[in-house]
C-alpha atoms as a PDB file:
ATOM      1  CA  MET A   1     -12.980 -10.130  -5.630  1.00  0.00           C
ATOM      2  CA  THR A   2     -14.370  -9.988  -8.984  1.00  0.00           C
ATOM      3  CA  ASP A   3     -12.867 -11.756 -12.203  1.00  0.00           C
ATOM      4  CA  SER A   4     -11.560  -8.665 -13.381  1.00  0.00           C
ATOM      5  CA  ALA A   5      -9.251  -7.650 -10.572  1.00  0.00           C
ATOM      6  CA  ARG A   6      -6.260  -5.809 -12.242  1.00  0.00           C
ATOM      7  CA  VAL A   7      -3.526  -3.540 -11.772  1.00  0.00           C
ATOM      8  CA  LEU A   8      -4.138   0.118 -12.370  1.00  0.00           C
ATOM      9  CA  ALA A   9      -0.756   1.550 -11.743  1.00  0.00           C
ATOM     10  CA  ILE A  10       2.734   0.463 -10.681  1.00  0.00           C
ATOM     11  CA  SER A  11       4.537   3.155  -8.618  1.00  0.00           C
ATOM     12  CA  VAL A  12       8.013   3.617  -7.019  1.00  0.00           C
ATOM     13  CA  GLY A  13       9.664   6.193  -4.832  1.00  0.00           C
ATOM     14  CA  THR A  14      13.095   7.474  -3.819  1.00  0.00           C
ATOM     15  CA  PRO A  15      13.938   8.771  -0.275  1.00  0.00           C
ATOM     16  CA  LEU A  16      12.997  12.484   0.019  1.00  0.00           C
ATOM     17  CA  PRO A  17      12.746  14.926   3.159  1.00  0.00           C
ATOM     18  CA  LEU A  18       9.518  14.539   4.981  1.00  0.00           C
ATOM     19  CA  VAL A  19       8.398  16.656   7.796  1.00  0.00           C
ATOM     20  CA  VAL A  20       6.865  14.463  10.704  1.00  0.00           C
ATOM     21  CA  ALA A  21       5.255  15.552  13.966  1.00  0.00           C
ATOM     22  CA  GLY A  22       4.878  13.892  17.164  1.00  0.00           C
ATOM     23  CA  GLY A  23       4.718  14.743  20.970  1.00  0.00           C
ATOM     24  CA  GLY A  24       4.542  18.255  20.049  1.00  0.00           C
ATOM     25  CA  THR A  25       7.719  18.402  17.958  1.00  0.00           C
ATOM     26  CA  GLU A  26       8.666  18.320  14.273  1.00  0.00           C
ATOM     27  CA  ALA A  27      11.452  16.469  12.615  1.00  0.00           C
ATOM     28  CA  ILE A  28      12.692  16.125   9.039  1.00  0.00           C
ATOM     29  CA  VAL A  29      13.195  12.570   8.094  1.00  0.00           C
ATOM     30  CA  LEU A  30      13.976  10.779   4.732  1.00  0.00           C
ATOM     31  CA  SER A  31      11.170   8.629   3.444  1.00  0.00           C
ATOM     32  CA  ALA A  32      10.276   7.023   0.141  1.00  0.00           C
ATOM     33  CA  ILE A  33       6.623   6.908   0.944  1.00  0.00           C
ATOM     34  CA  ARG A  34       5.738   9.346  -1.804  1.00  0.00           C
ATOM     35  CA  LYS A  35       5.349   7.211  -5.065  1.00  0.00           C
ATOM     36  CA  HIS A  36       5.067   8.159  -8.597  1.00  0.00           C
ATOM     37  CA  PRO A  37       3.498   5.928 -11.121  1.00  0.00           C
ATOM     38  CA  LEU A  38       5.931   4.355 -13.696  1.00  0.00           C
ATOM     39  CA  SER A  39       3.122   2.261 -15.475  1.00  0.00           C
ATOM     40  CA  THR A  40      -0.475   3.106 -15.865  1.00  0.00           C
ATOM     41  CA  GLN A  41      -3.159   1.846 -18.200  1.00  0.00           C
ATOM     42  CA  LEU A  42      -2.645   4.867 -20.349  1.00  0.00           C
ATOM     43  CA  ARG A  43       1.048   4.040 -20.487  1.00  0.00           C
ATOM     44  CA  PRO A  44       1.339   0.370 -19.837  1.00  0.00           C
ATOM     45  CA  ILE A  45       5.215   0.053 -19.444  1.00  0.00           C
ATOM     46  CA  ALA A  46       6.620  -3.208 -18.221  1.00  0.00           C
ATOM     47  CA  VAL A  47       8.436  -3.012 -14.752  1.00  0.00           C
ATOM     48  CA  GLN A  48      10.942  -5.533 -13.363  1.00  0.00           C
ATOM     49  CA  VAL A  49      10.112  -7.229 -10.255  1.00  0.00           C
ATOM     50  CA  HIS A  50      13.163  -8.819  -8.358  1.00  0.00           C
ATOM     51  CA  ALA A  51      13.320 -10.665  -5.083  1.00  0.00           C
ATOM     52  CA  LEU A  52      13.194  -7.562  -3.102  1.00  0.00           C
ATOM     53  CA  GLY A  53      10.799  -5.518  -5.031  1.00  0.00           C
ATOM     54  CA  LEU A  54      10.258  -3.218  -8.031  1.00  0.00           C
ATOM     55  CA  ALA A  55      13.256  -2.039 -10.080  1.00  0.00           C
ATOM     56  CA  GLY A  56      13.683   1.703  -9.182  1.00  0.00           C
ATOM     57  CA  ASP A  57      11.978   1.578  -5.758  1.00  0.00           C
ATOM     58  CA  GLU A  58      14.001   2.380  -2.595  1.00  0.00           C
ATOM     59  CA  GLN A  59      13.478   2.614   1.079  1.00  0.00           C
ATOM     60  CA  ALA A  60      15.115   5.064   3.318  1.00  0.00           C
ATOM     61  CA  ASP A  61      15.100   2.783   6.514  1.00  0.00           C
ATOM     62  CA  ARG A  62      15.364  -0.771   5.581  1.00  0.00           C
ATOM     63  CA  THR A  63      14.917  -1.756   9.271  1.00  0.00           C
ATOM     64  CA  ILE A  64      11.314  -1.077   9.076  1.00  0.00           C
ATOM     65  CA  HIS A  65      10.549  -1.020   5.319  1.00  0.00           C
ATOM     66  CA  GLY A  66      11.385  -3.332   2.436  1.00  0.00           C
ATOM     67  CA  GLY A  67      13.084  -6.694   2.753  1.00  0.00           C
ATOM     68  CA  PRO A  68      11.667 -10.045   1.469  1.00  0.00           C
ATOM     69  CA  ASP A  69       8.560  -9.909   3.547  1.00  0.00           C
ATOM     70  CA  ARG A  70       7.516  -6.411   2.378  1.00  0.00           C
ATOM     71  CA  ALA A  71       8.973  -6.232  -1.068  1.00  0.00           C
ATOM     72  CA  LEU A  72       5.782  -4.697  -2.628  1.00  0.00           C
ATOM     73  CA  TYR A  73       2.889  -2.836  -1.139  1.00  0.00           C
ATOM     74  CA  LEU A  74      -0.611  -3.184  -2.732  1.00  0.00           C
ATOM     75  CA  TYR A  75      -3.480  -1.059  -2.286  1.00  0.00           C
ATOM     76  CA  PRO A  76      -7.070  -1.094  -3.573  1.00  0.00           C
ATOM     77  CA  PHE A  77      -8.117   1.997  -5.747  1.00  0.00           C
ATOM     78  CA  GLU A  78     -11.697   1.858  -4.322  1.00  0.00           C
ATOM     79  CA  HIS A  79     -10.492   3.178  -1.058  1.00  0.00           C
ATOM     80  CA  TYR A  80      -9.292   6.326  -2.616  1.00  0.00           C
ATOM     81  CA  ALA A  81     -12.702   8.059  -2.664  1.00  0.00           C
ATOM     82  CA  TRP A  82     -12.745   7.413   1.112  1.00  0.00           C
ATOM     83  CA  TRP A  83      -9.562   8.978   1.772  1.00  0.00           C
ATOM     84  CA  ASN A  84     -10.339  11.871  -0.496  1.00  0.00           C
ATOM     85  CA  ALA A  85     -13.340  12.581   1.590  1.00  0.00           C
ATOM     86  CA  ARG A  86     -11.344  12.294   4.679  1.00  0.00           C
ATOM     87  CA  ARG A  87      -8.895  14.852   3.687  1.00  0.00           C
ATOM     88  CA  ARG A  88     -11.519  17.329   2.701  1.00  0.00           C
ATOM     89  CA  ALA A  89     -13.150  16.918   6.072  1.00  0.00           C
ATOM     90  CA  ALA A  90      -9.880  17.632   7.788  1.00  0.00           C
ATOM     91  CA  LYS A  91      -9.537  20.691   5.505  1.00  0.00           C
ATOM     92  CA  VAL A  92      -6.029  19.499   4.184  1.00  0.00           C
ATOM     93  CA  PRO A  93      -4.676  22.147   1.747  1.00  0.00           C
ATOM     94  CA  GLU A  94      -5.388  21.092  -1.827  1.00  0.00           C
ATOM     95  CA  SER A  95      -7.729  18.227  -0.868  1.00  0.00           C
ATOM     96  CA  ASN A  96     -10.024  19.330  -3.489  1.00  0.00           C
ATOM     97  CA  ARG A  97      -7.661  17.544  -5.897  1.00  0.00           C
ATOM     98  CA  PRO A  98      -7.985  13.805  -5.941  1.00  0.00           C
ATOM     99  CA  LEU A  99      -5.107  11.631  -4.756  1.00  0.00           C
ATOM    100  CA  GLY A 100      -3.025  10.435  -7.488  1.00  0.00           C
ATOM    101  CA  PHE A 101      -1.738   6.814  -8.029  1.00  0.00           C
ATOM    102  CA  GLY A 102       0.837   5.995  -5.320  1.00  0.00           C
ATOM    103  CA  ALA A 103      -0.404   8.528  -2.904  1.00  0.00           C
ATOM    104  CA  LEU A 104      -1.006   5.916  -0.152  1.00  0.00           C
ATOM    105  CA  GLY A 105       2.697   4.797  -0.625  1.00  0.00           C
ATOM    106  CA  GLU A 106       1.624   1.588  -2.613  1.00  0.00           C
ATOM    107  CA  ASN A 107       3.629  -0.024  -5.420  1.00  0.00           C
ATOM    108  CA  LEU A 108       0.610  -1.641  -6.908  1.00  0.00           C
ATOM    109  CA  THR A 109      -2.760   0.253  -7.048  1.00  0.00           C
ATOM    110  CA  VAL A 110      -5.303  -2.393  -8.019  1.00  0.00           C
ATOM    111  CA  GLN A 111      -8.907  -2.683  -8.820  1.00  0.00           C
ATOM    112  CA  GLY A 112     -11.439  -5.565  -7.705  1.00  0.00           C
ATOM    113  CA  LEU A 113      -9.140  -7.011  -4.801  1.00  0.00           C
ATOM    114  CA  PHE A 114      -9.730  -6.141  -1.157  1.00  0.00           C
ATOM    115  CA  GLU A 115      -8.241  -6.862   2.141  1.00  0.00           C
ATOM    116  CA  THR A 116     -11.443  -8.591   3.173  1.00  0.00           C
ATOM    117  CA  GLU A 117     -10.851 -11.230   0.556  1.00  0.00           C
ATOM    118  CA  LEU A 118      -7.242 -12.129   1.247  1.00  0.00           C
ATOM    119  CA  TRP A 119      -5.461 -14.340   3.562  1.00  0.00           C
ATOM    120  CA  ALA A 120      -1.895 -14.532   4.497  1.00  0.00           C
ATOM    121  CA  GLY A 121      -0.224 -17.018   2.244  1.00  0.00           C
ATOM    122  CA  ASP A 122      -2.455 -16.379  -0.758  1.00  0.00           C
ATOM    123  CA  LEU A 123      -0.669 -16.359  -4.185  1.00  0.00           C
ATOM    124  CA  LEU A 124      -1.321 -13.685  -6.692  1.00  0.00           C
ATOM    125  CA  ARG A 125      -0.216 -14.145 -10.242  1.00  0.00           C
ATOM    126  CA  ILE A 126       0.290 -11.014 -12.197  1.00  0.00           C
ATOM    127  CA  GLY A 127       1.931 -11.071 -15.609  1.00  0.00           C
ATOM    128  CA  ASN A 128       4.677 -13.799 -15.244  1.00  0.00           C
ATOM    129  CA  VAL A 129       5.203 -12.699 -11.535  1.00  0.00           C
ATOM    130  CA  VAL A 130       3.949 -14.712  -8.447  1.00  0.00           C
ATOM    131  CA  LEU A 131       3.536 -12.751  -5.127  1.00  0.00           C
ATOM    132  CA  GLU A 132       2.554 -14.057  -1.793  1.00  0.00           C
ATOM    133  CA  VAL A 133       0.120 -12.150   0.651  1.00  0.00           C
ATOM    134  CA  GLY A 134       1.801 -11.173   3.820  1.00  0.00           C
ATOM    135  CA  LEU A 135       0.661  -8.713   6.655  1.00  0.00           C
ATOM    136  CA  PRO A 136      -1.426  -5.652   6.283  1.00  0.00           C
ATOM    137  CA  ARG A 137       0.260  -2.401   6.580  1.00  0.00           C
ATOM    138  CA  ASN A 138       0.775  -1.191  10.275  1.00  0.00           C
ATOM    139  CA  PRO A 139       1.006   2.624   9.564  1.00  0.00           C
ATOM    140  CA  ASN A 140       3.247   5.152  11.408  1.00  0.00           C
ATOM    141  CA  VAL A 141       3.531   9.020  11.673  1.00  0.00           C
ATOM    142  CA  LYS A 142       5.088   9.174   8.199  1.00  0.00           C
ATOM    143  CA  PHE A 143       1.585   8.417   6.917  1.00  0.00           C
ATOM    144  CA  ASN A 144       0.093  11.226   8.845  1.00  0.00           C
ATOM    145  CA  ALA A 145       2.642  13.500   7.231  1.00  0.00           C
ATOM    146  CA  VAL A 146       2.077  12.515   3.653  1.00  0.00           C
ATOM    147  CA  MET A 147      -1.687  12.577   4.073  1.00  0.00           C
ATOM    148  CA  GLY A 148      -1.560  15.933   5.497  1.00  0.00           C
ATOM    149  CA  TYR A 149      -3.538  15.470   8.814  1.00  0.00           C
ATOM    150  CA  GLY A 150      -2.937  14.064  12.244  1.00  0.00           C
ATOM    151  CA  LYS A 151      -5.527  11.307  12.488  1.00  0.00           C
ATOM    152  CA  ALA A 152      -4.544   9.473   9.212  1.00  0.00           C
ATOM    153  CA  VAL A 153      -2.881   6.612  11.022  1.00  0.00           C
ATOM    154  CA  HIS A 154      -6.115   6.302  13.320  1.00  0.00           C
ATOM    155  CA  ASP A 155      -8.187   6.352  10.230  1.00  0.00           C
ATOM    156  CA  MET A 156      -6.393   3.527   8.518  1.00  0.00           C
ATOM    157  CA  VAL A 157      -6.305   1.298  11.498  1.00  0.00           C
ATOM    158  CA  GLN A 158     -10.064   1.868  12.318  1.00  0.00           C
ATOM    159  CA  SER A 159     -11.362   1.517   8.704  1.00  0.00           C
ATOM    160  CA  GLY A 160      -9.247  -1.652   7.853  1.00  0.00           C
ATOM    161  CA  TYR A 161      -8.245   0.141   4.597  1.00  0.00           C
ATOM    162  CA  THR A 162      -4.666  -0.963   5.149  1.00  0.00           C
ATOM    163  CA  GLY A 163      -3.499  -2.615   1.884  1.00  0.00           C
ATOM    164  CA  VAL A 164      -1.228  -5.660   2.141  1.00  0.00           C
ATOM    165  CA  TYR A 165       2.404  -6.409   1.901  1.00  0.00           C
ATOM    166  CA  LEU A 166       3.683  -8.922  -0.626  1.00  0.00           C
ATOM    167  CA  ARG A 167       6.521 -11.273  -0.922  1.00  0.00           C
ATOM    168  CA  VAL A 168       8.144 -12.110  -4.256  1.00  0.00           C
ATOM    169  CA  VAL A 169       7.789 -15.845  -4.985  1.00  0.00           C
ATOM    170  CA  LYS A 170       8.713 -15.596  -8.645  1.00  0.00           C
ATOM    171  CA  PRO A 171      10.326 -12.637  -9.982  1.00  0.00           C
ATOM    172  CA  GLY A 172       9.602 -11.383 -13.549  1.00  0.00           C
ATOM    173  CA  GLU A 173       7.805  -8.507 -14.961  1.00  0.00           C
ATOM    174  CA  LEU A 174       4.310  -6.876 -14.701  1.00  0.00           C
ATOM    175  CA  GLN A 175       2.590  -3.808 -16.230  1.00  0.00           C
ATOM    176  CA  ALA A 176      -0.512  -1.733 -15.615  1.00  0.00           C
ATOM    177  CA  GLY A 177      -3.646  -3.562 -16.957  1.00  0.00           C
ATOM    178  CA  ASP A 178      -2.382  -7.043 -16.042  1.00  0.00           C
ATOM    179  CA  ALA A 179      -5.134  -9.344 -14.546  1.00  0.00           C
ATOM    180  CA  ILE A 180      -4.660 -10.604 -11.058  1.00  0.00           C
ATOM    181  CA  VAL A 181      -5.249 -14.231 -10.426  1.00  0.00           C
ATOM    182  CA  VAL A 182      -5.657 -15.395  -6.722  1.00  0.00           C
ATOM    183  CA  THR A 183      -4.661 -18.963  -5.803  1.00  0.00           C
ATOM    184  CA  PRO A 184      -5.930 -19.595  -2.015  1.00  0.00           C
ATOM    185  CA  GLY A 185      -2.944 -20.454   0.353  1.00  0.00           C
ATOM    186  CA  PRO A 186      -3.543 -22.330   3.719  1.00  0.00           C
ATOM    187  CA  ARG A 187      -5.894 -19.700   4.786  1.00  0.00           C
ATOM    188  CA  ASN A 188      -5.176 -20.077   8.502  1.00  0.00           C
ATOM    189  CA  VAL A 189      -5.286 -16.189   8.979  1.00  0.00           C
ATOM    190  CA  SER A 190      -7.079 -13.574   7.158  1.00  0.00           C
ATOM    191  CA  VAL A 191      -5.881 -10.151   6.563  1.00  0.00           C
ATOM    192  CA  GLU A 192      -9.301  -8.946   7.789  1.00  0.00           C
ATOM    193  CA  ASN A 193      -8.824 -10.619  11.250  1.00  0.00           C
ATOM    194  CA  ILE A 194      -5.479  -9.302  11.647  1.00  0.00           C
ATOM    195  CA  ASN A 195      -6.841  -5.723  10.952  1.00  0.00           C
ATOM    196  CA  LEU A 196      -9.650  -6.262  13.537  1.00  0.00           C
ATOM    197  CA  ARG A 197      -7.221  -7.468  16.278  1.00  0.00           C
ATOM    198  CA  ARG A 198      -4.979  -4.321  15.495  1.00  0.00           C
ATOM    199  CA  ARG A 199      -8.216  -2.051  15.686  1.00  0.00           C
ATOM    200  CA  ASP A 200      -9.239  -3.642  18.974  1.00  0.00           C
ATOM    201  CA  GLY A 201      -5.877  -3.233  20.388  1.00  0.00           C
ATOM    202  CA  TRP A 202      -5.743   0.260  19.255  1.00  0.00           C
ATOM    203  CA  ARG A 203      -8.993   1.025  21.081  1.00  0.00           C
ATOM    204  CA  VAL A 204      -7.598  -0.484  24.312  1.00  0.00           C
ATOM    205  CA  LEU A 205      -4.540   2.083  23.967  1.00  0.00           C
ATOM    206  CA  PHE A 206      -6.366   5.062  22.943  1.00  0.00           C
END
């Protein structure tokens, strides 16, 4: 992590139809995985954060998304170049266009803060909001669908480029451009270690 860790964009989504494939079949489900930026550095609008996440952000299935332990989802912008390359290699239509903010389904697109530097229980102060680092993302087939190719889940697990879920400790407001200040928690379990265990478990299964 650098001293200049900051928020590049804040994004929200609403449930929309999404075509997912699995086991040789396709289905249409509602998903809010596709996010659009409300606040960017060119348009740094303040966004309210409440106990269950960002104002204006929704989840289609609250049994597996949202809730206090997954109120917000943070993703490092530095991983975007890797995903752009993976989509081009998979010949995804329109993959010549770089992914936009929120494309990974994240609420907070950040710069200078990575999974390998975070531990469950670390606190992030952004604006007047305090957030607690939770688990890394464990992607499902909706991620394949939104990324446009069938190995996207595999690639996320194997790369460790998962981002992290956040719990809201102190509600308030934040905006793009805000600095991120990390206060270490108990540091018993690192995000990187969780990702490594998941990756090893994936290899056993597949």
